[in-house]
Structures are given as C-alpha cells and as structure tokens.
PDB file of N, CA and C in Angstrom:
ATOM      1  N   MET A   1     -29.208 -31.154  -4.183  1.00  0.00           N
ATOM      2  CA  MET A   1     -28.739 -30.476  -4.179  1.00  0.00           C
ATOM      3  C   MET A   1     -28.520 -28.759  -4.630  1.00  0.00           C
ATOM      4  N   SER A   2     -29.728 -28.398  -4.465  1.00  0.00           N
ATOM      5  CA  SER A   2     -29.832 -27.062  -3.890  1.00  0.00           C
ATOM      6  C   SER A   2     -29.299 -26.633  -2.703  1.00  0.00           C
ATOM      7  N   GLY A   3     -28.664 -27.464  -2.045  1.00  0.00           N
ATOM      8  CA  GLY A   3     -27.629 -26.959  -0.689  1.00  0.00           C
ATOM      9  C   GLY A   3     -26.657 -26.809  -0.912  1.00  0.00           C
ATOM     10  N   LEU A   4     -25.939 -27.728  -2.178  1.00  0.00           N
ATOM     11  CA  LEU A   4     -25.118 -27.235  -2.706  1.00  0.00           C
ATOM     12  C   LEU A   4     -24.086 -26.021  -2.500  1.00  0.00           C
ATOM     13  N   SER A   5     -25.534 -26.263  -4.024  1.00  0.00           N
ATOM     14  CA  SER A   5     -25.249 -24.127  -4.647  1.00  0.00           C
ATOM     15  C   SER A   5     -25.941 -23.212  -3.144  1.00  0.00           C
ATOM     16  N   GLU A   6     -26.856 -23.361  -2.848  1.00  0.00           N
ATOM     17  CA  GLU A   6     -26.760 -22.278  -1.799  1.00  0.00           C
ATOM     18  C   GLU A   6     -25.125 -22.506  -0.329  1.00  0.00           C
ATOM     19  N   THR A   7     -24.315 -23.337   0.054  1.00  0.00           N
ATOM     20  CA  THR A   7     -22.869 -23.013  -0.307  1.00  0.00           C
ATOM     21  C   THR A   7     -22.485 -22.210  -0.159  1.00  0.00           C
ATOM     22  N   ASN A   8     -21.942 -23.064  -2.014  1.00  0.00           N
ATOM     23  CA  ASN A   8     -21.284 -21.838  -3.136  1.00  0.00           C
ATOM     24  C   ASN A   8     -21.748 -20.774  -3.432  1.00  0.00           C
ATOM     25  N   THR A   9     -22.770 -19.980  -3.485  1.00  0.00           N
ATOM     26  CA  THR A   9     -23.078 -18.758  -3.224  1.00  0.00           C
ATOM     27  C   THR A   9     -22.923 -18.157  -2.652  1.00  0.00           C
ATOM     28  N   ASP A  10     -23.107 -18.251  -1.042  1.00  0.00           N
ATOM     29  CA  ASP A  10     -22.207 -17.766   0.403  1.00  0.00           C
ATOM     30  C   ASP A  10     -21.132 -17.396   0.120  1.00  0.00           C
ATOM     31  N   ARG A  11     -20.493 -19.018   0.186  1.00  0.00           N
ATOM     32  CA  ARG A  11     -19.192 -18.615  -0.382  1.00  0.00           C
ATOM     33  C   ARG A  11     -18.446 -18.284  -1.023  1.00  0.00           C
ATOM     34  N   ILE A  12     -19.587 -17.537  -1.867  1.00  0.00           N
ATOM     35  CA  ILE A  12     -18.830 -16.279  -3.165  1.00  0.00           C
ATOM     36  C   ILE A  12     -18.974 -14.791  -3.284  1.00  0.00           C
ATOM     37  N   ILE A  13     -20.309 -14.923  -1.836  1.00  0.00           N
ATOM     38  CA  ILE A  13     -20.825 -13.828  -0.518  1.00  0.00           C
ATOM     39  C   ILE A  13     -20.010 -13.539  -0.019  1.00  0.00           C
ATOM     40  N   GLU A  14     -19.880 -14.383   0.002  1.00  0.00           N
ATOM     41  CA  GLU A  14     -18.367 -14.001   1.036  1.00  0.00           C
ATOM     42  C   GLU A  14     -16.863 -13.347   0.699  1.00  0.00           C
ATOM     43  N   LYS A  15     -16.540 -13.916  -0.418  1.00  0.00           N
ATOM     44  CA  LYS A  15     -15.525 -13.603  -0.995  1.00  0.00           C
ATOM     45  C   LYS A  15     -15.739 -11.996  -1.474  1.00  0.00           C
ATOM     46  N   GLU A  16     -16.243 -11.547  -2.323  1.00  0.00           N
ATOM     47  CA  GLU A  16     -16.959 -10.654  -2.535  1.00  0.00           C
ATOM     48  C   GLU A  16     -16.319  -9.768  -1.644  1.00  0.00           C
ATOM     49  N   ARG A  17     -17.842  -9.897  -0.797  1.00  0.00           N
ATOM     50  CA  ARG A  17     -17.617  -8.304   1.204  1.00  0.00           C
ATOM     51  C   ARG A  17     -16.371  -8.717   0.890  1.00  0.00           C
ATOM     52  N   GLU A  18     -15.402  -9.394   1.195  1.00  0.00           N
ATOM     53  CA  GLU A  18     -14.368  -9.699   0.908  1.00  0.00           C
ATOM     54  C   GLU A  18     -12.707  -8.852   0.321  1.00  0.00           C
ATOM     55  N   ARG A  19     -13.266  -8.754  -1.029  1.00  0.00           N
ATOM     56  CA  ARG A  19     -11.817  -8.105  -1.735  1.00  0.00           C
ATOM     57  C   ARG A  19     -12.861  -6.372  -1.489  1.00  0.00           C
ATOM     58  N   ILE A  20     -14.123  -6.330  -1.299  1.00  0.00           N
ATOM     59  CA  ILE A  20     -14.658  -4.855  -1.035  1.00  0.00           C
ATOM     60  C   ILE A  20     -13.936  -4.420  -0.019  1.00  0.00           C
ATOM     61  N   THR A  21     -13.737  -4.937   0.852  1.00  0.00           N
ATOM     62  CA  THR A  21     -12.776  -4.631   2.013  1.00  0.00           C
ATOM     63  C   THR A  21     -11.935  -4.741   1.470  1.00  0.00           C
ATOM     64  N   GLN A  22     -11.064  -5.360   1.275  1.00  0.00           N
ATOM     65  CA  GLN A  22      -9.867  -4.548   0.597  1.00  0.00           C
ATOM     66  C   GLN A  22     -10.064  -3.691   0.051  1.00  0.00           C
ATOM     67  N   GLN A  23     -10.146  -3.340  -1.550  1.00  0.00           N
ATOM     68  CA  GLN A  23      -9.850  -2.192  -2.043  1.00  0.00           C
ATOM     69  C   GLN A  23     -10.348  -0.630  -1.474  1.00  0.00           C
ATOM     70  N   LYS A  24     -11.175  -0.778  -0.587  1.00  0.00           N
ATOM     71  CA  LYS A  24     -11.158   0.201   0.619  1.00  0.00           C
ATOM     72  C   LYS A  24     -10.334   0.240   1.108  1.00  0.00           C
ATOM     73  N   LYS A  25      -9.400  -0.695   1.764  1.00  0.00           N
ATOM     74  CA  LYS A  25      -7.951   0.134   2.544  1.00  0.00           C
ATOM     75  C   LYS A  25      -7.028   0.007   1.071  1.00  0.00           C
ATOM     76  N   VAL A  26      -6.979  -0.174   0.339  1.00  0.00           N
ATOM     77  CA  VAL A  26      -6.214   0.117  -1.021  1.00  0.00           C
ATOM     78  C   VAL A  26      -6.453   1.266  -1.705  1.00  0.00           C
ATOM     79  N   GLY A  27      -7.582   1.909  -0.787  1.00  0.00           N
ATOM     80  CA  GLY A  27      -8.007   3.348  -1.515  1.00  0.00           C
ATOM     81  C   GLY A  27      -7.797   4.232  -0.541  1.00  0.00           C
ATOM     82  N   LYS A  28      -7.800   4.004   0.909  1.00  0.00           N
ATOM     83  CA  LYS A  28      -7.521   4.926   1.606  1.00  0.00           C
ATOM     84  C   LYS A  28      -5.580   4.969   1.809  1.00  0.00           C
ATOM     85  N   MET A  29      -5.704   3.458   1.670  1.00  0.00           N
ATOM     86  CA  MET A  29      -4.132   3.846   1.550  1.00  0.00           C
ATOM     87  C   MET A  29      -3.169   4.565  -0.324  1.00  0.00           C
ATOM     88  N   LEU A  30      -3.865   4.565  -0.959  1.00  0.00           N
ATOM     89  CA  LEU A  30      -3.912   5.643  -1.945  1.00  0.00           C
ATOM     90  C   LEU A  30      -3.743   7.245  -1.717  1.00  0.00           C
ATOM     91  N   TYR A  31      -4.742   6.643  -1.179  1.00  0.00           N
ATOM     92  CA  TYR A  31      -4.245   8.748  -1.356  1.00  0.00           C
ATOM     93  C   TYR A  31      -3.668   9.162  -0.015  1.00  0.00           C
ATOM     94  N   PHE A  32      -3.666   8.090   0.994  1.00  0.00           N
ATOM     95  CA  PHE A  32      -2.352   8.739   1.704  1.00  0.00           C
ATOM     96  C   PHE A  32      -0.757   8.373   1.238  1.00  0.00           C
ATOM     97  N   ARG A  33      -0.664   7.764   0.250  1.00  0.00           N
ATOM     98  CA  ARG A  33       0.440   7.423  -0.384  1.00  0.00           C
ATOM     99  C   ARG A  33       0.727   8.670  -1.556  1.00  0.00           C
ATOM    100  N   ASN A  34      -0.562   9.144  -2.371  1.00  0.00           N
ATOM    101  CA  ASN A  34      -0.408  10.710  -3.099  1.00  0.00           C
ATOM    102  C   ASN A  34       0.043  11.856  -2.392  1.00  0.00           C
ATOM    103  N   ILE A  35      -0.525  11.714  -1.421  1.00  0.00           N
ATOM    104  CA  ILE A  35       0.231  12.619  -0.218  1.00  0.00           C
ATOM    105  C   ILE A  35       1.529  12.947   0.088  1.00  0.00           C
ATOM    106  N   LEU A  36       1.794  12.264   0.671  1.00  0.00           N
ATOM    107  CA  LEU A  36       3.270  12.230   0.437  1.00  0.00           C
ATOM    108  C   LEU A  36       4.416  11.667  -0.647  1.00  0.00           C
ATOM    109  N   ASN A  37       3.670  11.614  -1.794  1.00  0.00           N
ATOM    110  CA  ASN A  37       5.007  11.777  -3.021  1.00  0.00           C
ATOM    111  C   ASN A  37       4.137  13.281  -3.412  1.00  0.00           C
ATOM    112  N   SER A  38       4.111  13.884  -3.868  1.00  0.00           N
ATOM    113  CA  SER A  38       3.197  15.990  -3.697  1.00  0.00           C
ATOM    114  C   SER A  38       3.963  15.955  -3.149  1.00  0.00           C
ATOM    115  N   ILE A  39       4.453  15.786  -1.184  1.00  0.00           N
ATOM    116  CA  ILE A  39       5.227  16.233  -0.918  1.00  0.00           C
ATOM    117  C   ILE A  39       6.439  16.420  -0.776  1.00  0.00           C
ATOM    118  N   PHE A  40       6.635  14.782  -1.223  1.00  0.00           N
ATOM    119  CA  PHE A  40       8.430  14.564  -2.236  1.00  0.00           C
ATOM    120  C   PHE A  40       8.814  15.651  -2.936  1.00  0.00           C
ATOM    121  N   ILE A  41       7.758  15.381  -3.625  1.00  0.00           N
ATOM    122  CA  ILE A  41       7.932  16.749  -4.952  1.00  0.00           C
ATOM    123  C   ILE A  41       7.761  18.238  -4.914  1.00  0.00           C
ATOM    124  N   ILE A  42       7.240  18.720  -3.910  1.00  0.00           N
ATOM    125  CA  ILE A  42       7.504  19.906  -3.147  1.00  0.00           C
ATOM    126  C   ILE A  42       8.957  20.449  -2.516  1.00  0.00           C
ATOM    127  N   LEU A  43      10.052  19.601  -1.532  1.00  0.00           N
ATOM    128  CA  LEU A  43      10.423  19.158  -1.147  1.00  0.00           C
ATOM    129  C   LEU A  43      12.355  18.869  -2.071  1.00  0.00           C
ATOM    130  N   ALA A  44      11.844  18.166  -3.214  1.00  0.00           N
ATOM    131  CA  ALA A  44      12.551  18.186  -3.980  1.00  0.00           C
ATOM    132  C   ALA A  44      13.101  19.058  -5.320  1.00  0.00           C
ATOM    133  N   LEU A  45      11.754  19.877  -5.088  1.00  0.00           N
ATOM    134  CA  LEU A  45      11.633  21.211  -6.651  1.00  0.00           C
ATOM    135  C   LEU A  45      12.465  21.842  -4.880  1.00  0.00           C
ATOM    136  N   VAL A  46      12.373  22.223  -4.381  1.00  0.00           N
ATOM    137  CA  VAL A  46      13.283  23.664  -3.329  1.00  0.00           C
ATOM    138  C   VAL A  46      14.140  23.090  -2.750  1.00  0.00           C
ATOM    139  N   ALA A  47      14.305  21.983  -2.531  1.00  0.00           N
ATOM    140  CA  ALA A  47      16.522  21.621  -2.470  1.00  0.00           C
ATOM    141  C   ALA A  47      16.777  22.054  -3.401  1.00  0.00           C
ATOM    142  N   MET A  48      16.279  21.518  -5.244  1.00  0.00           N
ATOM    143  CA  MET A  48      17.413  21.869  -6.139  1.00  0.00           C
ATOM    144  C   MET A  48      17.295  22.821  -6.813  1.00  0.00           C
ATOM    145  N   ILE A  49      15.960  23.621  -6.671  1.00  0.00           N
ATOM    146  CA  ILE A  49      16.403  25.071  -6.639  1.00  0.00           C
ATOM    147  C   ILE A  49      17.085  25.514  -5.995  1.00  0.00           C
ATOM    148  N   GLY A  50      17.146  25.286  -4.777  1.00  0.00           N
ATOM    149  CA  GLY A  50      18.199  26.139  -3.500  1.00  0.00           C
ATOM    150  C   GLY A  50      19.055  26.193  -3.998  1.00  0.00           C
ATOM    151  N   LEU A  51      19.852  24.802  -3.632  1.00  0.00           N
ATOM    152  CA  LEU A  51      21.379  24.176  -4.351  1.00  0.00           C
ATOM    153  C   LEU A  51      21.635  25.113  -5.484  1.00  0.00           C
ATOM    154  N   LEU A  52      20.449  25.574  -6.690  1.00  0.00           N
ATOM    155  CA  LEU A  52      21.356  26.370  -8.311  1.00  0.00           C
ATOM    156  C   LEU A  52      20.857  27.816  -7.354  1.00  0.00           C
ATOM    157  N   VAL A  53      20.330  28.508  -6.318  1.00  0.00           N
ATOM    158  CA  VAL A  53      20.313  29.251  -6.570  1.00  0.00           C
ATOM    159  C   VAL A  53      21.469  30.125  -4.829  1.00  0.00           C
ATOM    160  N   SER A  54      21.273  29.147  -4.266  1.00  0.00           N
ATOM    161  CA  SER A  54      22.248  29.810  -2.665  1.00  0.00           C
ATOM    162  C   SER A  54      23.426  29.492  -2.720  1.00  0.00           C
ATOM    163  N   SER A  55      24.807  30.104  -2.619  1.00  0.00           N
ATOM    164  CA  SER A  55      25.704  29.824  -2.996  1.00  0.00           C
ATOM    165  C   SER A  55      26.495  29.902  -1.463  1.00  0.00           C
ATOM    166  N   LYS A  56      25.754  30.255  -0.538  1.00  0.00           N
ATOM    167  CA  LYS A  56      26.507  30.400   0.462  1.00  0.00           C
ATOM    168  C   LYS A  56      25.989  29.649   1.558  1.00  0.00           C
ATOM    169  N   ASN A  57      24.713  29.268   1.170  1.00  0.00           N
ATOM    170  CA  ASN A  57      24.652  28.374   2.180  1.00  0.00           C
ATOM    171  C   ASN A  57      24.090  26.991   1.853  1.00  0.00           C
ATOM    172  N   PRO A  58      24.640  25.821   1.114  1.00  0.00           N
ATOM    173  CA  PRO A  58      24.604  24.406   0.790  1.00  0.00           C
ATOM    174  C   PRO A  58      23.712  24.071   1.632  1.00  0.00           C
ATOM    175  N   ASN A  59      23.706  23.580   2.801  1.00  0.00           N
ATOM    176  CA  ASN A  59      23.584  23.326   3.405  1.00  0.00           C
ATOM    177  C   ASN A  59      22.082  22.683   3.842  1.00  0.00           C
ATOM    178  N   THR A  60      21.828  23.786   3.869  1.00  0.00           N
ATOM    179  CA  THR A  60      20.078  23.953   4.656  1.00  0.00           C
ATOM    180  C   THR A  60      18.538  23.324   3.293  1.00  0.00           C
ATOM    181  N   PHE A  61      20.009  23.168   2.137  1.00  0.00           N
ATOM    182  CA  PHE A  61      18.825  23.021   1.074  1.00  0.00           C
ATOM    183  C   PHE A  61      19.349  20.880   1.513  1.00  0.00           C
ATOM    184  N   TYR A  62      20.681  21.269   0.861  1.00  0.00           N
ATOM    185  CA  TYR A  62      20.791  19.348   1.207  1.00  0.00           C
ATOM    186  C   TYR A  62      19.815  19.263   1.898  1.00  0.00           C
ATOM    187  N   ILE A  63      19.713  19.055   3.798  1.00  0.00           N
ATOM    188  CA  ILE A  63      19.148  18.978   4.003  1.00  0.00           C
ATOM    189  C   ILE A  63      17.617  18.372   4.217  1.00  0.00           C
ATOM    190  N   ILE A  64      17.039  19.822   3.885  1.00  0.00           N
ATOM    191  CA  ILE A  64      15.732  19.637   2.748  1.00  0.00           C
ATOM    192  C   ILE A  64      15.768  18.227   1.906  1.00  0.00           C
ATOM    193  N   GLY A  65      17.031  17.926   0.884  1.00  0.00           N
ATOM    194  CA  GLY A  65      16.409  17.016   0.217  1.00  0.00           C
ATOM    195  C   GLY A  65      17.000  15.815   0.489  1.00  0.00           C
ATOM    196  N   LEU A  66      17.330  16.034   1.616  1.00  0.00           N
ATOM    197  CA  LEU A  66      17.470  14.346   2.679  1.00  0.00           C
ATOM    198  C   LEU A  66      16.294  13.889   3.443  1.00  0.00           C
ATOM    199  N   VAL A  67      15.162  14.848   3.971  1.00  0.00           N
ATOM    200  CA  VAL A  67      13.872  15.138   4.383  1.00  0.00           C
ATOM    201  C   VAL A  67      13.429  14.450   3.203  1.00  0.00           C
ATOM    202  N   ALA A  68      13.383  15.085   1.512  1.00  0.00           N
ATOM    203  CA  ALA A  68      12.260  14.722   0.390  1.00  0.00           C
ATOM    204  C   ALA A  68      12.455  12.609   0.340  1.00  0.00           C
ATOM    205  N   VAL A  69      14.129  12.720   0.659  1.00  0.00           N
ATOM    206  CA  VAL A  69      14.003  11.413   0.495  1.00  0.00           C
ATOM    207  C   VAL A  69      13.698  10.307   1.669  1.00  0.00           C
ATOM    208  N   GLY A  70      14.054  10.658   2.474  1.00  0.00           N
ATOM    209  CA  GLY A  70      13.536  10.068   3.350  1.00  0.00           C
ATOM    210  C   GLY A  70      11.656  10.171   3.988  1.00  0.00           C
ATOM    211  N   ILE A  71      10.823  10.876   3.273  1.00  0.00           N
ATOM    212  CA  ILE A  71       9.561  11.145   2.639  1.00  0.00           C
ATOM    213  C   ILE A  71       9.199   9.591   1.554  1.00  0.00           C
ATOM    214  N   LYS A  72      10.080   9.910   0.978  1.00  0.00           N
ATOM    215  CA  LYS A  72      10.074   9.189  -0.098  1.00  0.00           C
ATOM    216  C   LYS A  72      10.595   6.887  -0.709  1.00  0.00           C
ATOM    217  N   MET A  73      10.837   6.759   0.874  1.00  0.00           N
ATOM    218  CA  MET A  73      11.199   5.664   1.582  1.00  0.00           C
ATOM    219  C   MET A  73      10.254   4.812   2.223  1.00  0.00           C
ATOM    220  N   ILE A  74       8.935   5.907   2.915  1.00  0.00           N
ATOM    221  CA  ILE A  74       8.128   5.734   3.099  1.00  0.00           C
ATOM    222  C   ILE A  74       6.546   5.504   2.721  1.00  0.00           C
ATOM    223  N   GLU A  75       6.668   6.191   1.862  1.00  0.00           N
ATOM    224  CA  GLU A  75       5.923   5.908   0.165  1.00  0.00           C
ATOM    225  C   GLU A  75       6.276   4.805   0.113  1.00  0.00           C
ATOM    226  N   VAL A  76       7.346   4.780  -0.398  1.00  0.00           N
ATOM    227  CA  VAL A  76       8.089   3.201  -0.684  1.00  0.00           C
ATOM    228  C   VAL A  76       7.630   1.870   0.289  1.00  0.00           C
ATOM    229  N   ILE A  77       7.858   2.283   1.269  1.00  0.00           N
ATOM    230  CA  ILE A  77       7.308   0.718   2.047  1.00  0.00           C
ATOM    231  C   ILE A  77       6.635   0.731   2.114  1.00  0.00           C
ATOM    232  N   LEU A  78       5.025   1.557   2.389  1.00  0.00           N
ATOM    233  CA  LEU A  78       4.253   1.395   2.361  1.00  0.00           C
ATOM    234  C   LEU A  78       3.198   1.560   1.667  1.00  0.00           C
ATOM    235  N   ARG A  79       4.004   0.885  -0.044  1.00  0.00           N
ATOM    236  CA  ARG A  79       4.040   0.168  -0.724  1.00  0.00           C
ATOM    237  C   ARG A  79       3.323  -1.127  -1.140  1.00  0.00           C
ATOM    238  N   MET A  80       4.681  -1.179  -0.351  1.00  0.00           N
ATOM    239  CA  MET A  80       4.952  -2.595   0.545  1.00  0.00           C
ATOM    240  C   MET A  80       4.719  -3.743  -0.383  1.00  0.00           C
ATOM    241  N   PRO A  81       3.315  -4.185   0.972  1.00  0.00           N
ATOM    242  CA  PRO A  81       2.599  -4.771   0.291  1.00  0.00           C
ATOM    243  C   PRO A  81       1.171  -5.180  -0.082  1.00  0.00           C
ATOM    244  N   LEU A  82       1.292  -4.187  -1.208  1.00  0.00           N
ATOM    245  CA  LEU A  82       0.350  -3.668  -1.910  1.00  0.00           C
ATOM    246  C   LEU A  82       0.681  -4.225  -3.359  1.00  0.00           C
ATOM    247  N   THR A  83       1.678  -5.714  -3.470  1.00  0.00           N
ATOM    248  CA  THR A  83       2.429  -5.628  -4.711  1.00  0.00           C
ATOM    249  C   THR A  83       1.406  -6.903  -4.998  1.00  0.00           C
ATOM    250  N   PRO A  84       1.248  -7.226  -6.461  1.00  0.00           N
ATOM    251  CA  PRO A  84      -0.120  -7.993  -7.440  1.00  0.00           C
ATOM    252  C   PRO A  84       0.315  -9.323  -6.658  1.00  0.00           C
ATOM    253  N   LYS A  85       0.953 -10.060  -5.827  1.00  0.00           N
ATOM    254  CA  LYS A  85       2.095 -11.078  -5.664  1.00  0.00           C
ATOM    255  C   LYS A  85       0.670 -11.149  -4.296  1.00  0.00           C
ATOM    256  N   ASN A  86       0.891 -10.434  -3.285  1.00  0.00           N
ATOM    257  CA  ASN A  86       0.619 -10.433  -1.993  1.00  0.00           C
ATOM    258  C   ASN A  86      -1.121  -9.678  -1.467  1.00  0.00           C
ATOM    259  N   LEU A  87      -1.714  -9.409  -2.926  1.00  0.00           N
ATOM    260  CA  LEU A  87      -2.756  -9.073  -3.161  1.00  0.00           C
ATOM    261  C   LEU A  87      -3.979 -10.969  -3.373  1.00  0.00           C
ATOM    262  N   LYS A  88      -5.279 -10.490  -2.949  1.00  0.00           N
ATOM    263  CA  LYS A  88      -5.967 -11.614  -3.006  1.00  0.00           C
ATOM    264  C   LYS A  88      -5.744 -11.906  -3.912  1.00  0.00           C
ATOM    265  N   THR A  89      -6.004 -13.024  -5.282  1.00  0.00           N
ATOM    266  CA  THR A  89      -6.853 -12.758  -6.404  1.00  0.00           C
ATOM    267  C   THR A  89      -8.213 -13.416  -5.779  1.00  0.00           C
ATOM    268  N   ARG A  90      -9.352 -12.782  -6.417  1.00  0.00           N
ATOM    269  CA  ARG A  90     -10.888 -13.733  -6.983  1.00  0.00           C
ATOM    270  C   ARG A  90     -10.548 -14.942  -7.245  1.00  0.00           C
ATOM    271  N   ASN A  91     -10.694 -15.899  -6.573  1.00  0.00           N
ATOM    272  CA  ASN A  91     -11.203 -17.232  -7.358  1.00  0.00           C
ATOM    273  C   ASN A  91     -11.743 -18.111  -6.793  1.00  0.00           C
ATOM    274  N   TYR A  92     -12.708 -18.335  -7.242  1.00  0.00           N
ATOM    275  CA  TYR A  92     -14.078 -18.840  -6.231  1.00  0.00           C
ATOM    276  C   TYR A  92     -14.224 -20.558  -7.112  1.00  0.00           C
ATOM    277  N   ASP A  93     -13.869 -20.495  -7.806  1.00  0.00           N
ATOM    278  CA  ASP A  93     -13.468 -22.834  -7.272  1.00  0.00           C
ATOM    279  C   ASP A  93     -13.101 -22.859  -6.062  1.00  0.00           C
ATOM    280  N   LYS A  94     -11.842 -22.249  -5.073  1.00  0.00           N
ATOM    281  CA  LYS A  94     -11.120 -23.337  -4.481  1.00  0.00           C
ATOM    282  C   LYS A  94     -12.044 -23.283  -3.260  1.00  0.00           C
TER     283      LYS A  94
END
C-alpha cells in the first residue's frame, strides 16, 4: 500500500514540476508580448497623429501604420499557442 502512495506522490511531484516549467515559459512569452504591444501602440499613435497633422506626404505615416499592424500580427501569432485549450490542466487522477 505504501508503494502505491509513493508512486502517486512521485507522479504528483513530476506534474507539479512540469506545471512550474510551463508557467516560466508563459511568463517569458508574456513579457515579450507586452513589449511588442507597447511598440504597436507607440507606432499606431505616431501614424494617427502624423496623418492628422501632415498634409503633404501622408504615405510615410501609412507605412508606419502598416508596420504597427504587422507587429500586432506577430504578437497575435505568439499568443495562439497560449490559448486555454492548449494549456495542460492539473489533473492528478490520470
């Protein structure tokens, strides 16, 4: 009986280690995504204000806006593997 509980305890400890490792990966990715979001917001603001102020050459600000959208798309792609259905849930019974 004690051998069974030790095996179950080992399994629980291993799953907890996996969960902690996964959380560290998610934390690093979240930090990188926050940086990308900040860059997106700054570029989008520059593009919008530039389009409002500039009357001679708005193409530059359209390009800045497109770069901002491209950065946002990269951030969204990085977010995809982190959807709740893809994350492992803690289930010690299996």
